[in-house]
Amino acid sequence: MTKKLFLATTLVAVLCAISLPANAQFGKALKKASKSVTKAVGDVAGDMASDIVANKASVKIVEFMDNNNTIAGEDSDYYKRLAGLVATDYISVDGLSLNYKVYENPEVNILATADGSIRIYTGMMDMLSDEELLAVISTQIGHIANKDVRDSLLKVASEDNATKAGSAQLEKLLSFSGDKMGTVINELIQVPYNDEQNKKADEYAYNLLTKNNVSADALVSALTKFAEMESADQAAADDDTAELSAASKFIGVNSNNSLRASLISSK
């Protein structure tokens, strides 16, 4: 009887010795998981706050741009062409309504902002076919969906164009006007997308075009045109007598077009 009691006591002691560390490990794991969840919730909340302020700032930025550019009227061929192309398949992204306007400007460019505004220059429209134009628009929609345009604004608001500004810094833009706003816009339209951002935006465009039964060859074709102008601009940079192409500003933000074209064509 004494022997059995000793064995039972020993077994209980062993089980306790095993369970205590296990419970301690579980407690540590639970605490770690709780911290991770708290951080994730904080990140999401911070991201949403940045989205809200970025959209408000973008509305002011676009209002300033619209007031300082000549906008093609609804009776113009440019407006009618664009309206017919975007129709119902390119009017929203992730619940955000997209709005379009055409700037009467020979420059080959297109701009997008975090609030869903897309502004297309007549120079860009003149250079591209309908499907190529849809491809370029789709890429801009990709940059909006992936928050690349928002992140560019956060960089400009940080004042060093490297780190991302917080919501408080971004809110300062809401009080800007005149020359101050013009300076912000000038910096914003020159913030380049990196290769990863362009790759993801191109993939977004590829999927959107495919979904809407538009050949992805149009994206390759548009990128190839930009690649040729990019190559010419690189040569012109070494020649004091040469002029940059009409797409030089666009290419400064959207570079490596030849590589991007080859990546899409390989799909």
Protein backbone atom coordinates (compact mmCIF):
# COMPACT_ATOMS: atom_id res chain seq x y z
CA MET A 1 0.00 0.00 0.00
CA THR A 2 2.83 2.35 0.91
CA LYS A 3 4.57 1.50 -2.37
CA LYS A 4 1.42 2.24 -4.39
CA LEU A 5 0.94 5.53 -2.57
CA PHE A 6 4.55 6.49 -3.30
CA LEU A 7 4.12 5.69 -7.01
CA ALA A 8 0.92 7.71 -7.21
CA THR A 9 2.52 10.67 -5.48
CA THR A 10 5.51 10.47 -7.80
CA LEU A 11 3.25 10.37 -10.88
CA VAL A 12 1.35 13.45 -9.74
CA ALA A 13 4.62 15.27 -9.13
CA VAL A 14 5.88 14.37 -12.61
CA LEU A 15 2.64 15.50 -14.25
CA CYS A 16 2.79 18.80 -12.39
CA ALA A 17 6.39 19.27 -13.43
CA ILE A 18 5.36 18.72 -17.06
CA SER A 19 2.18 20.82 -17.00
CA LEU A 20 3.65 23.88 -15.32
CA PRO A 21 6.21 24.64 -18.06
CA ALA A 22 3.58 23.82 -20.68
CA ASN A 23 1.13 26.27 -19.12
CA ALA A 24 3.88 28.85 -18.86
CA GLN A 25 4.74 28.38 -22.54
CA PHE A 26 1.07 28.66 -23.46
CA GLY A 27 0.81 31.86 -21.45
CA LYS A 28 3.82 33.33 -23.22
CA ALA A 29 2.43 32.32 -26.61
CA LEU A 30 -0.94 33.84 -25.75
CA LYS A 31 0.70 37.07 -24.61
CA LYS A 32 2.78 37.21 -27.80
CA ALA A 33 -0.29 36.56 -29.95
CA SER A 34 -2.19 39.26 -28.08
CA LYS A 35 0.58 41.77 -28.79
CA SER A 36 0.58 40.79 -32.46
CA VAL A 37 -3.18 41.25 -32.71
CA THR A 38 -2.97 44.62 -30.95
CA LYS A 39 -0.23 45.75 -33.34
CA ALA A 40 -2.19 44.52 -36.36
CA VAL A 41 -5.30 46.38 -35.21
CA GLY A 42 -3.21 49.49 -34.63
CA ASP A 43 -1.64 49.21 -38.09
CA VAL A 44 -5.05 48.84 -39.73
CA ALA A 45 -6.42 51.81 -37.79
CA GLY A 46 -3.39 53.91 -38.73
CA ASP A 47 -3.71 52.85 -42.36
CA MET A 48 -7.39 53.82 -42.42
CA ALA A 49 -6.60 57.19 -40.83
CA SER A 50 -3.94 57.82 -43.47
CA ASP A 51 -6.42 56.88 -46.21
CA ILE A 52 -9.03 59.33 -44.93
CA VAL A 53 -6.64 62.27 -44.64
CA ALA A 54 -4.88 61.41 -47.92
CA ASN A 55 -8.23 61.41 -49.71
CA LYS A 56 -9.14 64.80 -48.24
CA ALA A 57 -5.76 66.24 -49.22
CA SER A 58 -6.08 64.72 -52.69
CA VAL A 59 -9.43 66.42 -53.23
CA LYS A 60 -7.77 69.79 -52.56
CA ILE A 61 -4.82 68.91 -54.78
CA VAL A 62 -7.04 67.90 -57.69
CA GLU A 63 -9.22 70.98 -57.24
CA PHE A 64 -6.10 73.13 -57.53
CA MET A 65 -4.91 71.23 -60.62
CA ASP A 66 -8.31 71.48 -62.29
CA ASN A 67 -8.42 75.23 -61.65
CA ASN A 68 -4.98 75.66 -63.19
CA ASN A 69 -5.44 73.54 -66.31
CA THR A 70 -7.69 73.79 -69.35
CA ILE A 71 -10.24 70.99 -69.11
CA ALA A 72 -11.75 69.50 -72.26
CA GLY A 73 -15.49 70.15 -72.33
CA GLU A 74 -18.15 67.47 -72.51
CA ASP A 75 -18.79 68.39 -76.13
CA SER A 76 -15.16 67.77 -77.11
CA ASP A 77 -14.02 64.66 -78.98
CA TYR A 78 -11.51 63.93 -76.22
CA TYR A 79 -14.17 63.85 -73.53
CA LYS A 80 -16.55 61.75 -75.61
CA ARG A 81 -13.80 59.29 -76.46
CA LEU A 82 -12.74 58.88 -72.83
CA ALA A 83 -16.31 58.63 -71.54
CA GLY A 84 -17.06 55.91 -74.07
CA LEU A 85 -13.96 53.93 -73.10
CA VAL A 86 -14.29 53.92 -69.32
CA ALA A 87 -18.10 53.51 -69.49
CA THR A 88 -19.09 51.13 -66.67
CA ASP A 89 -16.04 48.89 -66.33
CA TYR A 90 -13.51 51.46 -65.13
CA ILE A 91 -15.50 53.67 -62.77
CA SER A 92 -14.61 52.29 -59.33
CA VAL A 93 -11.91 50.41 -57.45
CA ASP A 94 -12.42 48.70 -54.08
CA GLY A 95 -15.56 50.75 -53.47
CA LEU A 96 -13.87 54.03 -54.38
CA SER A 97 -15.51 55.95 -57.22
CA LEU A 98 -13.17 57.06 -59.98
CA ASN A 99 -13.58 60.40 -61.71
CA TYR A 100 -11.94 61.45 -64.97
CA LYS A 101 -11.08 64.69 -66.72
CA VAL A 102 -8.99 65.53 -69.77
CA TYR A 103 -6.40 68.29 -69.66
CA GLU A 104 -5.81 70.07 -72.95
CA ASN A 105 -2.04 69.76 -72.93
CA PRO A 106 0.30 68.27 -75.58
CA GLU A 107 2.39 66.65 -72.87
CA VAL A 108 2.21 62.83 -72.80
CA ASN A 109 1.08 62.29 -69.23
CA ILE A 110 -1.57 60.88 -66.92
CA LEU A 111 -2.01 61.57 -63.21
CA ALA A 112 -3.86 59.71 -60.47
CA THR A 113 -4.55 60.67 -56.87
CA ALA A 114 -5.64 58.82 -53.74
CA ASP A 115 -9.24 60.07 -53.91
CA GLY A 116 -9.79 58.26 -57.22
CA SER A 117 -9.18 61.19 -59.57
CA ILE A 118 -7.52 60.40 -62.90
CA ARG A 119 -6.41 63.23 -65.18
CA ILE A 120 -5.33 62.47 -68.73
CA TYR A 121 -3.45 64.86 -70.98
CA THR A 122 -4.54 65.18 -74.61
CA GLY A 123 -0.94 64.42 -75.62
CA MET A 124 -1.30 60.97 -74.08
CA MET A 125 -4.63 60.39 -75.80
CA ASP A 126 -3.22 61.46 -79.17
CA MET A 127 -0.38 58.96 -78.90
CA LEU A 128 -2.34 55.88 -77.89
CA SER A 129 -5.02 53.71 -79.46
CA ASP A 130 -8.25 53.14 -77.53
CA GLU A 131 -7.07 49.82 -76.08
CA GLU A 132 -3.63 51.22 -75.24
CA LEU A 133 -5.30 54.11 -73.44
CA LEU A 134 -7.43 51.67 -71.45
CA ALA A 135 -4.25 49.77 -70.56
CA VAL A 136 -2.55 52.90 -69.23
CA ILE A 137 -5.69 53.88 -67.32
CA SER A 138 -5.84 50.37 -65.84
CA THR A 139 -2.27 50.72 -64.61
CA GLN A 140 -3.19 53.98 -62.87
CA ILE A 141 -6.17 52.26 -61.27
CA GLY A 142 -3.70 49.63 -60.06
CA HIS A 143 -1.56 52.32 -58.43
CA ILE A 144 -4.68 53.64 -56.67
CA ALA A 145 -5.76 50.16 -55.53
CA ASN A 146 -2.27 49.33 -54.26
CA LYS A 147 -2.10 52.67 -52.41
CA ASP A 148 1.00 53.73 -54.35
CA VAL A 149 -0.46 57.17 -55.04
CA ARG A 150 -1.33 57.58 -51.38
CA ASP A 151 2.20 56.58 -50.36
CA SER A 152 3.66 59.11 -52.80
CA LEU A 153 1.60 61.81 -51.10
CA LEU A 154 2.78 60.62 -47.68
CA LYS A 155 6.37 60.95 -48.86
CA VAL A 156 5.82 64.50 -50.09
CA ALA A 157 4.12 65.45 -46.82
CA SER A 158 7.12 64.12 -44.89
CA GLU A 159 9.21 66.88 -46.48
CA ASP A 160 12.14 64.55 -47.25
CA ASN A 161 10.43 62.48 -50.00
CA ALA A 162 11.76 59.33 -48.35
CA THR A 163 9.90 58.47 -45.15
CA LYS A 164 6.11 58.38 -44.88
CA ALA A 165 4.37 61.20 -43.08
CA GLY A 166 1.85 60.60 -40.35
CA SER A 167 -1.75 61.79 -40.47
CA ALA A 168 -0.87 64.96 -38.54
CA GLN A 169 1.75 65.97 -41.11
CA LEU A 170 -0.62 65.14 -43.94
CA GLU A 171 -3.36 67.30 -42.44
CA LYS A 172 -1.13 70.36 -42.81
CA LEU A 173 -1.64 70.10 -46.57
CA LEU A 174 -5.34 70.83 -46.07
CA SER A 175 -4.49 74.43 -45.20
CA PHE A 176 -2.20 74.96 -48.20
CA SER A 177 -3.15 77.11 -51.18
CA GLY A 178 -1.52 79.14 -53.92
CA ASP A 179 2.23 78.73 -54.31
CA LYS A 180 2.45 76.31 -51.38
CA MET A 181 -0.06 73.96 -52.97
CA GLY A 182 1.64 74.37 -56.34
CA THR A 183 4.96 73.31 -54.80
CA VAL A 184 3.36 70.22 -53.24
CA ILE A 185 1.83 69.21 -56.56
CA ASN A 186 5.08 69.76 -58.43
CA GLU A 187 6.85 67.46 -55.97
CA LEU A 188 4.03 64.91 -55.98
CA ILE A 189 3.96 64.39 -59.75
CA GLN A 190 7.70 63.72 -59.70
CA VAL A 191 7.77 60.99 -57.04
CA PRO A 192 8.82 57.87 -58.99
CA TYR A 193 7.21 54.48 -58.55
CA ASN A 194 9.71 51.75 -57.77
CA ASP A 195 10.03 48.57 -59.83
CA GLU A 196 7.90 46.53 -57.44
CA GLN A 197 5.09 49.08 -57.49
CA ASN A 198 5.13 49.22 -61.29
CA LYS A 199 5.19 45.44 -61.53
CA LYS A 200 2.15 45.06 -59.29
CA ALA A 201 0.29 47.88 -61.07
CA ASP A 202 1.00 46.22 -64.44
CA GLU A 203 -0.29 42.90 -63.09
CA TYR A 204 -3.41 44.66 -61.83
CA ALA A 205 -3.90 46.21 -65.27
CA TYR A 206 -3.35 42.86 -66.98
CA ASN A 207 -6.05 41.22 -64.84
CA LEU A 208 -8.48 44.13 -65.24
CA LEU A 209 -8.08 44.21 -69.02
CA THR A 210 -8.48 40.43 -69.26
CA LYS A 211 -11.60 40.59 -67.09
CA ASN A 212 -13.09 43.20 -69.44
CA ASN A 213 -12.15 41.26 -72.60
CA VAL A 214 -9.46 43.73 -73.68
CA SER A 215 -6.30 42.19 -75.09
CA ALA A 216 -3.31 42.53 -72.76
CA ASP A 217 -1.26 43.09 -75.93
CA ALA A 218 -2.44 46.69 -75.65
CA LEU A 219 -0.52 47.04 -72.39
CA VAL A 220 2.61 45.62 -74.00
CA SER A 221 2.17 47.95 -76.97
CA ALA A 222 1.77 51.04 -74.76
CA LEU A 223 4.78 50.10 -72.62
CA THR A 224 6.82 49.54 -75.78
CA LYS A 225 5.99 53.05 -76.99
CA PHE A 226 7.07 54.46 -73.64
CA ALA A 227 10.24 52.35 -73.76
CA GLU A 228 11.21 53.90 -77.09
CA MET A 229 10.71 57.39 -75.70
CA GLU A 230 12.56 56.44 -72.53
CA SER A 231 15.52 55.26 -74.58
CA ALA A 232 15.49 58.50 -76.59
CA ASP A 233 15.39 60.55 -73.38
CA GLN A 234 18.37 58.66 -71.99
CA ALA A 235 20.33 59.50 -75.14
CA ALA A 236 19.17 63.13 -75.02
CA ALA A 237 20.42 63.45 -71.46
CA ASP A 238 23.98 63.15 -72.77
CA ASP A 239 23.41 65.64 -75.58
CA ASP A 240 23.09 69.31 -74.68
CA THR A 241 21.45 70.08 -78.02
CA ALA A 242 18.78 67.37 -77.81
CA GLU A 243 15.32 67.85 -76.33
CA LEU A 244 13.54 65.42 -74.04
CA SER A 245 10.37 63.74 -75.29
CA ALA A 246 6.87 64.94 -74.50
CA ALA A 247 6.61 61.95 -72.14
CA SER A 248 9.73 62.78 -70.11
CA LYS A 249 7.82 63.64 -66.93
CA PHE A 250 5.64 60.55 -67.21
CA ILE A 251 8.69 58.34 -67.81
CA GLY A 252 10.45 59.93 -64.84
CA VAL A 253 7.72 58.47 -62.64
CA ASN A 254 7.06 55.28 -64.64
CA SER A 255 10.44 53.90 -65.74
CA ASN A 256 11.94 50.59 -66.97
CA ASN A 257 9.19 50.29 -69.58
CA SER A 258 11.09 47.84 -71.77
CA LEU A 259 11.48 45.35 -68.92
CA ARG A 260 7.85 45.80 -67.92
CA ALA A 261 6.70 45.13 -71.48
CA SER A 262 8.71 41.90 -71.60
CA LEU A 263 7.29 40.73 -68.26
CA ILE A 264 3.70 41.23 -69.42
CA SER A 265 4.31 39.68 -72.85
CA SER A 266 5.67 36.54 -71.16
CA LYS A 267 2.36 35.89 -69.36
